[in-house]
Amino acid sequence: MTSLPIEIRAVIAARTGLAPDRLADDLLIEDLGLDSLGMAELLLAVEERLERGLNTAVLRGRFSREMRLGELVSLIEEAIAPC
């Protein structure tokens, strides 16, 4: 089974058109070109790929375009609903 961070990064790569090896932990979300709609679409794509919901209460108010990719991946991992 593939690890969650790898799966999340694969979705981000697919949504942004960037190669997975260009997705460094210190990359700013702002540099991915994701606006709020793009971020919502990304989160839906993560849910679909993982076939699990995300706890929106965990995400609420914590997303920022100034956050780093590594922080975003960790935040999404935290928000994944248990099986």
Protein backbone atom coordinates (compact mmCIF):
# COMPACT_ATOMS: atom_id res chain seq x y z
CA MET A 1 0.00 0.00 0.00
CA THR A 2 1.25 3.46 -0.89
CA SER A 3 1.78 5.93 1.94
CA LEU A 4 -0.68 8.77 2.42
CA PRO A 5 1.86 11.56 1.74
CA ILE A 6 2.76 9.95 -1.59
CA GLU A 7 -0.91 9.61 -2.54
CA ILE A 8 -1.64 13.21 -1.55
CA ARG A 9 1.38 14.47 -3.50
CA ALA A 10 0.24 12.47 -6.55
CA VAL A 11 -3.11 14.27 -6.45
CA ILE A 12 -1.39 17.65 -6.06
CA ALA A 13 0.91 16.86 -8.99
CA ALA A 14 -2.06 15.84 -11.16
CA ARG A 15 -4.08 18.95 -10.24
CA THR A 16 -1.21 21.39 -10.75
CA GLY A 17 0.51 19.76 -13.69
CA LEU A 18 3.83 19.74 -11.82
CA ALA A 19 6.04 16.68 -11.75
CA PRO A 20 5.98 14.99 -8.33
CA ASP A 21 9.75 15.47 -7.97
CA ARG A 22 9.21 19.25 -8.19
CA LEU A 23 6.91 19.22 -5.15
CA ALA A 24 9.42 20.07 -2.42
CA ASP A 25 8.19 20.38 1.18
CA ASP A 26 9.22 24.05 1.30
CA LEU A 27 7.27 25.02 -1.85
CA LEU A 28 4.68 27.70 -1.09
CA ILE A 29 1.07 26.79 -1.87
CA GLU A 30 0.82 30.17 -3.56
CA ASP A 31 3.47 28.97 -6.05
CA LEU A 32 1.26 26.03 -7.02
CA GLY A 33 -1.24 28.46 -8.53
CA LEU A 34 -4.14 27.18 -6.43
CA ASP A 35 -6.82 29.68 -5.52
CA SER A 36 -9.61 28.86 -3.06
CA LEU A 37 -11.65 27.05 -5.73
CA GLY A 38 -8.58 25.12 -6.85
CA MET A 39 -7.89 24.15 -3.25
CA ALA A 40 -11.47 22.92 -2.80
CA GLU A 41 -11.15 20.87 -5.99
CA LEU A 42 -7.83 19.48 -4.76
CA LEU A 43 -9.39 18.36 -1.47
CA LEU A 44 -12.26 16.67 -3.34
CA ALA A 45 -9.74 14.92 -5.58
CA VAL A 46 -7.86 13.66 -2.49
CA GLU A 47 -11.12 12.28 -1.07
CA GLU A 48 -11.88 10.52 -4.35
CA ARG A 49 -8.40 9.04 -4.72
CA LEU A 50 -8.24 7.79 -1.14
CA GLU A 51 -11.94 6.83 -1.10
CA ARG A 52 -12.17 8.48 2.33
CA GLY A 53 -13.68 11.72 3.51
CA LEU A 54 -11.86 14.65 5.03
CA ASN A 55 -12.84 16.16 8.37
CA THR A 56 -13.58 19.75 7.35
CA ALA A 57 -13.47 20.87 10.99
CA VAL A 58 -9.76 20.04 11.00
CA LEU A 59 -9.20 22.05 7.81
CA ARG A 60 -11.37 25.05 8.66
CA GLY A 61 -9.38 28.22 9.13
CA ARG A 62 -6.02 26.49 8.86
CA PHE A 63 -5.38 26.73 5.13
CA SER A 64 -3.27 29.60 3.90
CA ARG A 65 -1.69 30.28 0.53
CA GLU A 66 1.46 31.20 2.49
CA MET A 67 1.77 27.71 3.99
CA ARG A 68 4.36 25.26 2.67
CA LEU A 69 3.54 22.11 0.76
CA GLY A 70 4.83 19.89 3.57
CA GLU A 71 2.46 21.64 5.99
CA LEU A 72 -0.46 21.15 3.59
CA VAL A 73 0.27 17.44 3.18
CA SER A 74 0.42 17.05 6.99
CA LEU A 75 -2.81 18.99 7.41
CA ILE A 76 -4.61 16.81 4.87
CA GLU A 77 -3.25 13.67 6.57
CA GLU A 78 -4.62 14.94 9.89
CA ALA A 79 -8.02 15.60 8.30
CA ILE A 80 -8.45 12.15 6.73
CA ALA A 81 -11.36 10.41 8.35
CA PRO A 82 -10.52 7.10 9.98
CA CYS A 83 -11.60 3.93 8.18
